[in-house]
Amino acid sequence: MSSRARTHDTSGKPARGSRRAGRMKALSRFGVHPDALAYSMTTLGAGMMNSIFSFYYVKLFLNKYKISEAAFHQSQVIYMIWNAVNDPLFGYLQDNSSVPCCSRRRLAILYGAPFYALSFLLAWFPWRAYAAGDWLSGVHLLVALCAFDGMLTFVLLSQCALFAEMSSEHHSRLKLIKYSQVASLVGSSSVLVCGLASGNMDDFPAFQAVTVLVALLACGCMLYTGLHSQSRYEARQGSKAEQEAPQGSSSSPPGLSLTSICSMTWQILTQRDFQRFVTMNFFQVFMVAFCNNFTMIFTEHLVPRDALPPLAKSLMYGAGFICPQMVVLGSQRLLRTVGYYRLILLTFYLEVGAAGVMLLLGPQHYYILALFLTTNMVLVQAAFSLFNLPLADIIDADLQSNKRSSPLSSMVFGTNALFTKPAQSLAPMLIVNTLNQFGYETLKDVGAAADLSSLQALHSTMFYLVCLVPMCVAAMQIAAWTPFSIRDSHTVDAKYIET
């Protein structure tokens, strides 16, 4: 490289630093934390897309594209394998790659955002007019699931790593949680907007138009994170490399051997608290998928239109995505004083109790049933929103116990996902299989003429699923989460000193 080019490069970095300082100063005048804002913009973009995708894709492929049960299960099995494998794969690449767009959290989000937005749109545009059981609808589902999850993983794994690496102080992490929940509150309203604009997907062209608008807005939000966020480890290592590396030499870290990778993964897997968290998180991912994919289906069958009109149901679905963020925002003081461990445990006991009461009351109390479905969805999503806190503490514990120079943030998040992501496919597979045994495939159109006894059997099955699944899953989560030992991190300002 010529001396002129080197002069241009080095002069550009102070300019970027001065622009960053100016932006931080301008935002601080309005009481906005610049780093937390940059971090939360990806939460906003991902929240808009993920809420719509998880809530509508099952109903879309089952009811509108009329995918066969066999094709649905085949797609979910392949997706389950890909979903589990891509997280540790991307985690390894992001923690150990010498390619900047993979190894630098900011650049991974910046370059991944447009592809993430495009993959979101894949599901909503049929490749042709599908007949019932069309094989192409199965291929469409498989491609849409794998592409969307691959880009989601690539972008959000970097954001999760940023959460652990921006600061080790509990109050700083709570600030990130607070900003993220505000972003999620806004982002998850996309389900409400989409439901109102399309009549809960009855007006499909309007639904498609909303998804395109959401994709554009989400991409812009994530690009903001890619331009303005930074991990303190990247900043520290970058300045150190500039000081130590001779001109013209490469500062890329050497590749790790397979033995080193296996050793680090084993160290993560053998942490008792990591094992407890992963077990509990597996069931939570199952419940999130259960609520997101089937709340609309259960409501349409169990709550008649004369009891709850379509507008009220749209508001109910929107509340299921918006209220969890309001609950977390309202729990900031409790998170500082009581800690996330006890609050998460409390939600499990509430889920067991609420499901037990609903089971005793029976399905004929439509308003209480609608309230229960919404409340259960809120509790599940609210608890799930706190899970970055225990994972960040596990990363800190791994950093200390193994005396690492920098945390294995992406590897920890990726290894966790290896064991928990299969639950995203397991939930729809098990529930669809159970419902089809009671005739859902032929009775899924609520307004269609049907044998009354068959419809009653299907509705009874749905009601028992609504009550027993949360009750049993939450009971298993209580058993897994109770022994978790990192309970008092909220009382410590920093687990290690930032130098």
Protein backbone atom coordinates (compact mmCIF):
# COMPACT_ATOMS: atom_id res chain seq x y z
CA MET A 1 0.00 0.00 0.00
CA SER A 2 1.35 3.48 -0.86
CA SER A 3 2.26 5.99 1.83
CA ARG A 4 -0.51 8.24 0.48
CA ALA A 5 -3.08 5.47 1.01
CA ARG A 6 -1.81 4.79 4.52
CA THR A 7 -2.10 8.48 5.36
CA HIS A 8 -5.68 8.48 4.11
CA ASP A 9 -6.58 5.38 6.23
CA THR A 10 -5.11 6.64 9.45
CA SER A 11 -6.62 10.07 9.07
CA GLY A 12 -10.05 8.50 8.56
CA LYS A 13 -10.08 6.78 11.97
CA PRO A 14 -9.76 9.97 14.06
CA ALA A 15 -12.44 11.54 11.85
CA ARG A 16 -14.78 8.64 12.57
CA GLY A 17 -13.90 8.89 16.27
CA SER A 18 -14.68 12.62 16.33
CA ARG A 19 -18.02 12.01 14.57
CA ARG A 20 -18.85 9.32 17.14
CA ALA A 21 -17.93 11.67 20.00
CA GLY A 22 -20.08 14.42 18.49
CA ARG A 23 -23.05 12.08 18.07
CA MET A 24 -22.70 10.82 21.66
CA LYS A 25 -22.58 14.39 22.97
CA ALA A 26 -25.65 15.41 20.94
CA LEU A 27 -27.70 12.41 22.13
CA SER A 28 -26.56 12.86 25.74
CA ARG A 29 -28.03 16.38 25.73
CA PHE A 30 -31.47 14.81 25.33
CA GLY A 31 -30.82 12.22 28.06
CA VAL A 32 -30.33 9.37 25.54
CA HIS A 33 -27.57 6.82 26.12
CA PRO A 34 -25.88 6.51 22.68
CA ASP A 35 -24.54 2.96 23.06
CA ALA A 36 -27.82 1.63 24.48
CA LEU A 37 -29.72 3.32 21.65
CA ALA A 38 -27.43 1.80 19.01
CA TYR A 39 -27.77 -1.64 20.62
CA SER A 40 -31.56 -1.44 20.88
CA MET A 41 -32.11 -0.47 17.24
CA THR A 42 -31.37 -4.06 16.21
CA THR A 43 -33.88 -5.20 18.82
CA LEU A 44 -36.44 -2.88 17.22
CA GLY A 45 -35.81 -4.15 13.69
CA ALA A 46 -35.65 -7.82 14.66
CA GLY A 47 -38.72 -7.44 16.90
CA MET A 48 -40.83 -6.13 14.03
CA MET A 49 -39.90 -9.04 11.75
CA ASN A 50 -39.68 -11.88 14.28
CA SER A 51 -43.07 -11.11 15.84
CA ILE A 52 -44.86 -11.25 12.48
CA PHE A 53 -42.95 -14.29 11.26
CA SER A 54 -43.44 -16.44 14.36
CA PHE A 55 -47.10 -15.46 14.76
CA TYR A 56 -48.29 -15.95 11.19
CA TYR A 57 -46.15 -18.50 9.36
CA VAL A 58 -47.78 -21.67 10.77
CA LYS A 59 -51.32 -20.46 10.03
CA LEU A 60 -50.22 -19.22 6.58
CA PHE A 61 -48.78 -22.55 5.45
CA LEU A 62 -51.46 -24.72 7.08
CA ASN A 63 -54.56 -22.71 6.17
CA LYS A 64 -53.71 -20.63 3.08
CA TYR A 65 -50.97 -22.61 1.32
CA LYS A 66 -52.63 -25.88 2.51
CA ILE A 67 -49.35 -27.69 3.07
CA SER A 68 -49.67 -31.41 3.81
CA GLU A 69 -48.89 -32.69 7.30
CA ALA A 70 -46.04 -34.86 5.93
CA ALA A 71 -44.40 -31.91 4.14
CA PHE A 72 -44.88 -29.73 7.22
CA HIS A 73 -43.13 -32.26 9.46
CA GLN A 74 -40.33 -32.89 6.95
CA SER A 75 -39.65 -29.17 6.70
CA GLN A 76 -39.67 -28.80 10.49
CA VAL A 77 -37.25 -31.73 10.99
CA ILE A 78 -34.71 -30.32 8.51
CA TYR A 79 -35.21 -26.86 9.99
CA MET A 80 -34.69 -28.25 13.49
CA ILE A 81 -31.30 -29.69 12.49
CA TRP A 82 -30.23 -26.49 10.70
CA ASN A 83 -31.57 -24.37 13.55
CA ALA A 84 -29.41 -26.26 16.07
CA VAL A 85 -26.25 -26.44 13.97
CA ASN A 86 -26.05 -22.87 12.64
CA ASP A 87 -25.79 -21.22 16.08
CA PRO A 88 -22.56 -22.88 17.28
CA LEU A 89 -21.22 -22.66 13.71
CA PHE A 90 -21.78 -18.90 13.52
CA GLY A 91 -20.66 -18.58 17.15
CA TYR A 92 -17.31 -20.16 16.32
CA LEU A 93 -16.92 -18.04 13.18
CA GLN A 94 -17.70 -14.79 14.98
CA ASP A 95 -15.38 -15.48 17.91
CA ASN A 96 -12.46 -16.87 15.91
CA SER A 97 -12.69 -15.70 12.28
CA SER A 98 -10.09 -13.33 10.81
CA VAL A 99 -12.69 -11.92 8.38
CA PRO A 100 -13.91 -8.56 9.77
CA CYS A 101 -17.54 -8.95 8.64
CA CYS A 102 -17.72 -12.09 10.83
CA SER A 103 -15.39 -11.31 13.73
CA ARG A 104 -16.47 -7.69 14.38
CA ARG A 105 -19.92 -7.49 15.97
CA ARG A 106 -20.76 -4.14 14.37
CA LEU A 107 -19.86 -5.22 10.84
CA ALA A 108 -21.68 -8.56 11.17
CA ILE A 109 -24.89 -6.64 11.92
CA LEU A 110 -24.20 -4.02 9.24
CA TYR A 111 -23.67 -6.50 6.40
CA GLY A 112 -26.18 -9.07 7.64
CA ALA A 113 -29.14 -6.67 8.01
CA PRO A 114 -30.19 -6.46 4.31
CA PHE A 115 -30.08 -10.25 3.89
CA TYR A 116 -32.02 -10.69 7.13
CA ALA A 117 -34.77 -8.38 5.81
CA LEU A 118 -34.91 -10.17 2.45
CA SER A 119 -35.14 -13.60 4.10
CA PHE A 120 -38.10 -12.33 6.16
CA LEU A 121 -40.06 -11.65 2.95
CA LEU A 122 -39.58 -15.16 1.52
CA ALA A 123 -42.54 -16.74 3.34
CA TRP A 124 -45.21 -14.20 2.39
CA PHE A 125 -45.06 -14.49 -1.41
CA PRO A 126 -46.19 -17.89 -2.82
CA TRP A 127 -44.10 -19.30 -5.66
CA ARG A 128 -47.30 -20.25 -7.54
CA ALA A 129 -50.98 -20.85 -6.79
CA TYR A 130 -50.68 -23.83 -4.43
CA ALA A 131 -53.11 -26.73 -4.61
CA ALA A 132 -53.85 -28.66 -1.41
CA GLY A 133 -50.82 -30.82 -0.55
CA ASP A 134 -48.64 -29.20 -3.25
CA TRP A 135 -45.03 -30.43 -2.86
CA LEU A 136 -43.71 -26.97 -3.72
CA SER A 137 -45.36 -25.47 -0.63
CA GLY A 138 -43.22 -27.85 1.45
CA VAL A 139 -40.05 -26.69 -0.31
CA HIS A 140 -41.19 -23.08 0.14
CA LEU A 141 -41.61 -23.60 3.89
CA LEU A 142 -38.21 -25.26 4.21
CA VAL A 143 -36.37 -22.51 2.30
CA ALA A 144 -38.22 -19.74 4.16
CA LEU A 145 -37.50 -21.24 7.61
CA CYS A 146 -33.83 -22.02 6.98
CA ALA A 147 -33.01 -18.73 5.25
CA PHE A 148 -34.80 -16.63 7.86
CA ASP A 149 -33.28 -18.47 10.81
CA GLY A 150 -29.80 -18.42 9.28
CA MET A 151 -29.78 -14.65 8.89
CA LEU A 152 -31.53 -14.13 12.23
CA THR A 153 -28.80 -16.17 13.91
CA PHE A 154 -25.95 -14.37 12.14
CA VAL A 155 -27.24 -10.90 13.10
CA LEU A 156 -28.69 -11.55 16.57
CA LEU A 157 -25.74 -13.65 17.73
CA SER A 158 -23.56 -10.59 17.19
CA GLN A 159 -26.05 -8.47 19.08
CA CYS A 160 -26.14 -10.96 21.97
CA ALA A 161 -22.33 -10.86 22.09
CA LEU A 162 -22.49 -7.06 22.21
CA PHE A 163 -24.74 -7.32 25.27
CA ALA A 164 -22.07 -9.19 27.20
CA GLU A 165 -19.16 -7.17 25.81
CA MET A 166 -20.41 -3.58 26.04
CA SER A 167 -20.05 -3.62 29.83
CA SER A 168 -19.70 -6.04 32.74
CA GLU A 169 -21.59 -3.77 35.17
CA HIS A 170 -25.06 -4.90 36.19
CA HIS A 171 -26.59 -1.41 36.05
CA SER A 172 -25.19 -0.90 32.53
CA ARG A 173 -26.70 -4.19 31.41
CA LEU A 174 -30.02 -3.19 32.95
CA LYS A 175 -29.86 -0.01 30.86
CA LEU A 176 -29.40 -2.15 27.73
CA ILE A 177 -32.36 -4.29 28.85
CA LYS A 178 -34.46 -1.16 29.42
CA TYR A 179 -33.71 0.31 26.00
CA SER A 180 -34.23 -3.09 24.38
CA GLN A 181 -37.62 -3.51 25.99
CA VAL A 182 -38.73 -0.09 24.76
CA ALA A 183 -37.55 -1.14 21.29
CA SER A 184 -39.33 -4.50 21.62
CA LEU A 185 -42.48 -2.71 22.77
CA VAL A 186 -42.48 -0.67 19.57
CA GLY A 187 -41.31 -3.56 17.38
CA SER A 188 -43.81 -6.12 18.62
CA SER A 189 -46.67 -3.74 17.82
CA SER A 190 -46.11 -4.86 14.22
CA VAL A 191 -48.40 -7.84 14.95
CA LEU A 192 -51.17 -5.47 16.02
CA VAL A 193 -50.66 -3.20 13.00
CA CYS A 194 -50.51 -6.18 10.66
CA GLY A 195 -53.64 -7.72 12.17
CA LEU A 196 -55.65 -4.50 11.92
CA ALA A 197 -54.43 -3.68 8.39
CA SER A 198 -55.09 -7.15 6.98
CA GLY A 199 -58.01 -8.38 9.10
CA ASN A 200 -55.76 -11.01 10.73
CA MET A 201 -54.45 -12.02 7.28
CA ASP A 202 -57.89 -12.22 5.62
CA ASP A 203 -56.83 -9.40 3.26
CA PHE A 204 -53.64 -11.08 2.02
CA PRO A 205 -52.41 -8.32 -0.39
CA ALA A 206 -52.62 -5.81 2.47
CA PHE A 207 -50.73 -8.26 4.67
CA GLN A 208 -47.98 -8.57 2.03
CA ALA A 209 -47.72 -4.77 1.73
CA VAL A 210 -47.27 -4.45 5.51
CA THR A 211 -44.50 -7.09 5.52
CA VAL A 212 -42.56 -5.21 2.80
CA LEU A 213 -42.81 -1.97 4.78
CA VAL A 214 -41.72 -3.78 7.96
CA ALA A 215 -38.71 -5.29 6.16
CA LEU A 216 -37.55 -1.85 4.96
CA LEU A 217 -37.95 -0.24 8.39
CA ALA A 218 -36.24 -3.16 10.15
CA CYS A 219 -33.28 -3.07 7.78
CA GLY A 220 -32.80 0.66 8.44
CA CYS A 221 -32.89 0.12 12.21
CA MET A 222 -30.25 -2.62 12.11
CA LEU A 223 -28.02 -0.58 9.82
CA TYR A 224 -27.99 2.10 12.54
CA THR A 225 -26.60 -0.46 14.99
CA GLY A 226 -24.03 -1.56 12.43
CA LEU A 227 -22.84 2.01 11.98
CA HIS A 228 -22.81 3.21 15.59
CA SER A 229 -22.26 0.32 18.06
CA GLN A 230 -18.98 -1.08 19.37
CA SER A 231 -17.74 -3.83 21.69
CA ARG A 232 -15.23 -2.63 24.25
CA TYR A 233 -13.03 -5.65 23.41
CA GLU A 234 -12.95 -4.73 19.72
CA ALA A 235 -12.03 -1.14 20.58
CA ARG A 236 -9.32 -2.28 23.00
CA GLN A 237 -7.86 -4.88 20.66
CA GLY A 238 -8.02 -2.49 17.72
CA SER A 239 -6.03 0.23 19.51
CA LYS A 240 -3.56 -2.33 20.82
CA ALA A 241 -3.04 -3.77 17.33
CA GLU A 242 -2.41 -0.28 15.93
CA GLN A 243 0.27 0.31 18.57
CA GLU A 244 2.02 -3.05 18.29
CA ALA A 245 1.65 -4.16 14.65
CA PRO A 246 4.35 -2.98 12.21
CA GLN A 247 3.23 -1.19 9.06
CA GLY A 248 1.93 -3.54 6.39
CA SER A 249 1.59 -6.50 8.76
CA SER A 250 -1.69 -8.28 9.47
CA SER A 251 -3.20 -8.08 12.96
CA SER A 252 -5.67 -10.92 12.38
CA PRO A 253 -5.63 -13.56 15.10
CA PRO A 254 -4.29 -16.98 14.16
CA GLY A 255 -6.83 -19.72 13.59
CA LEU A 256 -7.55 -22.03 16.48
CA SER A 257 -6.87 -25.73 16.24
CA LEU A 258 -9.67 -28.28 16.45
CA THR A 259 -8.31 -29.34 19.85
CA SER A 260 -8.59 -25.78 21.18
CA ILE A 261 -12.15 -25.43 19.86
CA CYS A 262 -13.22 -28.74 21.44
CA SER A 263 -11.51 -27.78 24.70
CA MET A 264 -13.29 -24.41 24.90
CA THR A 265 -16.65 -25.98 24.03
CA TRP A 266 -16.16 -28.64 26.69
CA GLN A 267 -15.32 -25.98 29.28
CA ILE A 268 -18.58 -24.23 28.46
CA LEU A 269 -20.63 -27.45 28.50
CA THR A 270 -19.29 -28.61 31.86
CA GLN A 271 -20.40 -25.49 33.72
CA ARG A 272 -23.20 -26.57 36.04
CA ASP A 273 -25.05 -23.27 35.76
CA PHE A 274 -24.83 -23.40 31.96
CA GLN A 275 -26.41 -26.88 32.03
CA ARG A 276 -29.21 -25.69 34.32
CA PHE A 277 -29.87 -22.63 32.22
CA VAL A 278 -29.93 -24.57 28.94
CA THR A 279 -32.40 -27.11 30.34
CA MET A 280 -34.73 -24.37 31.54
CA ASN A 281 -34.26 -22.37 28.33
CA PHE A 282 -35.15 -25.36 26.13
CA PHE A 283 -38.60 -25.50 27.71
CA GLN A 284 -38.94 -21.71 27.47
CA VAL A 285 -38.18 -21.74 23.74
CA PHE A 286 -40.77 -24.52 23.40
CA MET A 287 -43.35 -22.36 25.20
CA VAL A 288 -42.54 -19.26 23.16
CA ALA A 289 -43.07 -21.24 19.94
CA PHE A 290 -46.25 -22.81 21.36
CA CYS A 291 -47.73 -19.41 22.23
CA ASN A 292 -46.62 -17.61 19.07
CA ASN A 293 -47.71 -20.31 16.63
CA PHE A 294 -50.99 -21.45 18.15
CA THR A 295 -52.59 -18.63 20.19
CA MET A 296 -54.46 -17.39 17.12
CA ILE A 297 -55.55 -20.90 16.10
CA PHE A 298 -56.76 -21.77 19.62
CA THR A 299 -58.59 -18.45 20.01
CA GLU A 300 -60.43 -18.75 16.71
CA HIS A 301 -61.73 -22.21 17.64
CA LEU A 302 -62.34 -21.84 21.40
CA VAL A 303 -63.65 -18.25 21.56
CA PRO A 304 -66.73 -17.70 19.31
CA ARG A 305 -67.02 -14.56 17.18
CA ASP A 306 -70.14 -13.43 19.05
CA ALA A 307 -68.17 -13.54 22.31
CA LEU A 308 -65.07 -11.78 20.98
CA PRO A 309 -65.27 -9.98 17.59
CA PRO A 310 -62.29 -9.88 15.17
CA LEU A 311 -61.20 -6.38 16.27
CA ALA A 312 -61.04 -7.46 19.90
CA LYS A 313 -59.05 -10.55 18.90
CA SER A 314 -56.59 -8.38 16.96
CA LEU A 315 -56.10 -6.23 20.05
CA MET A 316 -55.66 -9.39 22.12
CA TYR A 317 -52.95 -10.72 19.79
CA GLY A 318 -51.22 -7.36 19.81
CA ALA A 319 -51.33 -7.24 23.61
CA GLY A 320 -49.64 -10.64 23.74
CA PHE A 321 -46.59 -9.13 22.04
CA ILE A 322 -46.67 -5.58 23.46
CA CYS A 323 -47.44 -6.21 27.16
CA PRO A 324 -44.35 -8.38 27.90
CA GLN A 325 -42.11 -5.38 27.22
CA MET A 326 -44.28 -3.20 29.46
CA VAL A 327 -43.97 -5.81 32.23
CA VAL A 328 -40.17 -5.89 31.92
CA LEU A 329 -39.95 -2.09 31.83
CA GLY A 330 -42.09 -1.93 34.96
CA SER A 331 -39.84 -4.49 36.66
CA GLN A 332 -36.60 -2.47 36.45
CA ARG A 333 -36.60 -1.66 40.17
CA LEU A 334 -37.27 -5.32 41.04
CA LEU A 335 -34.43 -6.41 38.75
CA ARG A 336 -32.07 -4.12 40.66
CA THR A 337 -33.27 -5.15 44.12
CA VAL A 338 -34.48 -8.75 43.79
CA GLY A 339 -32.56 -9.91 40.71
CA TYR A 340 -33.54 -11.83 37.59
CA TYR A 341 -33.25 -15.28 39.21
CA ARG A 342 -36.21 -14.80 41.55
CA LEU A 343 -38.35 -12.98 38.99
CA ILE A 344 -37.92 -15.73 36.40
CA LEU A 345 -38.75 -18.36 39.02
CA LEU A 346 -41.86 -16.39 40.00
CA THR A 347 -43.18 -16.43 36.42
CA PHE A 348 -42.99 -20.24 36.37
CA TYR A 349 -45.09 -20.50 39.53
CA LEU A 350 -47.61 -18.03 38.10
CA GLU A 351 -47.90 -20.08 34.89
CA VAL A 352 -48.59 -23.27 36.87
CA GLY A 353 -51.19 -21.54 39.04
CA ALA A 354 -52.99 -19.78 36.19
CA ALA A 355 -53.17 -22.98 34.10
CA GLY A 356 -54.56 -24.91 37.08
CA VAL A 357 -57.30 -22.32 37.68
CA MET A 358 -58.25 -22.28 33.97
CA LEU A 359 -58.42 -26.07 33.87
CA LEU A 360 -60.82 -26.06 36.85
CA LEU A 361 -63.02 -23.32 35.36
CA GLY A 362 -63.45 -25.06 32.00
CA PRO A 363 -63.68 -23.82 28.39
CA GLN A 364 -67.14 -22.25 28.63
CA HIS A 365 -65.82 -19.03 30.27
CA TYR A 366 -64.78 -17.35 27.02
CA TYR A 367 -63.58 -14.03 28.41
CA ILE A 368 -61.50 -15.68 31.13
CA LEU A 369 -60.06 -18.08 28.53
CA ALA A 370 -59.09 -15.17 26.27
CA LEU A 371 -57.51 -13.40 29.25
CA PHE A 372 -55.63 -16.57 30.20
CA LEU A 373 -54.26 -17.05 26.67
CA THR A 374 -53.04 -13.45 26.62
CA THR A 375 -51.63 -13.53 30.17
CA ASN A 376 -49.77 -16.78 29.56
CA MET A 377 -48.23 -15.37 26.39
CA VAL A 378 -47.18 -12.23 28.29
CA LEU A 379 -45.56 -14.18 31.14
CA VAL A 380 -43.66 -16.46 28.77
CA GLN A 381 -42.37 -13.60 26.60
CA ALA A 382 -41.53 -11.37 29.59
CA ALA A 383 -39.42 -14.04 31.28
CA PHE A 384 -37.73 -14.87 27.98
CA SER A 385 -36.75 -11.19 27.57
CA LEU A 386 -34.55 -11.46 30.69
CA PHE A 387 -32.50 -14.45 29.54
CA ASN A 388 -29.56 -12.38 28.26
CA LEU A 389 -28.82 -11.49 31.90
CA PRO A 390 -28.06 -15.04 33.13
CA LEU A 391 -26.20 -15.82 29.90
CA ALA A 392 -24.05 -12.71 30.34
CA ASP A 393 -23.27 -13.82 33.91
CA ILE A 394 -22.35 -17.29 32.65
CA ILE A 395 -19.99 -15.66 30.12
CA ASP A 396 -18.41 -13.61 32.94
CA ALA A 397 -18.00 -16.75 35.09
CA ASP A 398 -16.39 -18.60 32.16
CA LEU A 399 -14.03 -15.67 31.56
CA GLN A 400 -12.90 -15.68 35.20
CA SER A 401 -12.70 -19.42 35.82
CA ASN A 402 -10.74 -20.13 32.62
CA LYS A 403 -8.65 -16.92 32.77
CA ARG A 404 -9.42 -15.92 29.19
CA SER A 405 -8.11 -12.68 27.66
CA SER A 406 -11.54 -11.99 26.12
CA PRO A 407 -14.97 -13.61 26.58
CA LEU A 408 -16.33 -16.35 24.31
CA SER A 409 -19.63 -14.51 24.03
CA SER A 410 -20.77 -15.82 20.64
CA MET A 411 -19.66 -19.37 21.45
CA VAL A 412 -21.64 -19.39 24.71
CA PHE A 413 -24.77 -18.00 23.02
CA GLY A 414 -24.28 -20.37 20.09
CA THR A 415 -23.75 -23.45 22.27
CA ASN A 416 -26.86 -22.55 24.26
CA ALA A 417 -28.81 -22.31 20.99
CA LEU A 418 -27.47 -25.70 19.84
CA PHE A 419 -29.54 -27.35 22.57
CA THR A 420 -32.50 -24.96 22.81
CA LYS A 421 -33.36 -24.03 19.20
CA PRO A 422 -34.71 -27.51 18.29
CA ALA A 423 -37.64 -26.71 20.59
CA GLN A 424 -38.79 -24.13 18.01
CA SER A 425 -39.53 -26.96 15.59
CA LEU A 426 -40.54 -29.52 18.18
CA ALA A 427 -43.46 -27.42 19.46
CA PRO A 428 -45.31 -27.01 16.12
CA MET A 429 -44.58 -30.62 15.12
CA LEU A 430 -46.02 -32.09 18.34
CA ILE A 431 -49.03 -29.78 18.48
CA VAL A 432 -49.97 -30.13 14.79
CA ASN A 433 -49.62 -33.91 15.04
CA THR A 434 -51.85 -33.97 18.15
CA LEU A 435 -54.49 -31.72 16.57
CA ASN A 436 -54.56 -33.70 13.33
CA GLN A 437 -55.30 -36.89 15.28
CA PHE A 438 -58.56 -35.17 16.24
CA GLY A 439 -59.40 -33.96 12.72
CA TYR A 440 -57.85 -30.48 12.62
CA GLU A 441 -56.73 -30.94 9.01
CA THR A 442 -60.36 -31.19 7.87
CA LEU A 443 -61.90 -28.95 10.56
CA LYS A 444 -59.39 -26.07 10.54
CA ASP A 445 -61.78 -23.69 8.72
CA VAL A 446 -63.91 -22.40 11.59
CA GLY A 447 -66.84 -21.39 9.42
CA ALA A 448 -67.00 -24.64 7.45
CA ALA A 449 -69.76 -27.17 8.02
CA ALA A 450 -68.54 -29.97 10.25
CA ASP A 451 -69.74 -32.90 12.31
CA LEU A 452 -70.61 -31.48 15.73
CA SER A 453 -69.16 -34.36 17.75
CA SER A 454 -65.86 -34.23 15.83
CA LEU A 455 -65.64 -30.48 16.35
CA GLN A 456 -66.32 -30.86 20.08
CA ALA A 457 -63.56 -33.48 20.36
CA LEU A 458 -61.13 -31.14 18.59
CA HIS A 459 -62.08 -28.21 20.82
CA SER A 460 -61.70 -30.31 23.98
CA THR A 461 -58.23 -31.35 22.83
CA MET A 462 -57.31 -27.73 22.18
CA PHE A 463 -58.50 -26.67 25.64
CA TYR A 464 -56.48 -29.37 27.38
CA LEU A 465 -53.42 -28.38 25.37
CA VAL A 466 -53.93 -24.73 26.35
CA CYS A 467 -53.98 -25.67 30.05
CA LEU A 468 -51.76 -28.74 30.44
CA VAL A 469 -48.83 -27.74 28.23
CA PRO A 470 -48.00 -24.54 30.21
CA MET A 471 -48.62 -26.30 33.52
CA CYS A 472 -46.33 -29.27 32.84
CA VAL A 473 -43.60 -27.26 31.10
CA ALA A 474 -43.46 -24.64 33.89
CA ALA A 475 -43.23 -27.40 36.52
CA MET A 476 -40.19 -28.85 34.73
CA GLN A 477 -38.66 -25.39 34.48
CA ILE A 478 -39.01 -24.89 38.23
CA ALA A 479 -37.09 -28.13 38.80
CA ALA A 480 -34.32 -27.11 36.39
CA TRP A 481 -33.98 -23.43 37.40
CA THR A 482 -34.16 -23.70 41.21
CA PRO A 483 -30.53 -24.97 41.64
CA PHE A 484 -29.05 -22.14 39.47
CA SER A 485 -26.31 -20.62 41.65
CA ILE A 486 -25.61 -17.17 40.12
CA ARG A 487 -28.40 -15.43 42.01
CA ASP A 488 -26.92 -12.20 43.35
CA SER A 489 -25.13 -10.58 40.41
CA HIS A 490 -27.51 -7.61 40.79
CA THR A 491 -25.74 -6.77 44.09
CA VAL A 492 -22.27 -6.57 42.45
CA ASP A 493 -21.32 -3.63 40.23
CA ALA A 494 -18.77 -5.55 38.15
CA LYS A 495 -17.68 -9.16 38.14
CA TYR A 496 -14.25 -8.25 36.77
CA ILE A 497 -12.39 -5.01 36.33
CA GLU A 498 -12.52 -3.33 32.95
CA THR A 499 -9.01 -2.29 32.10
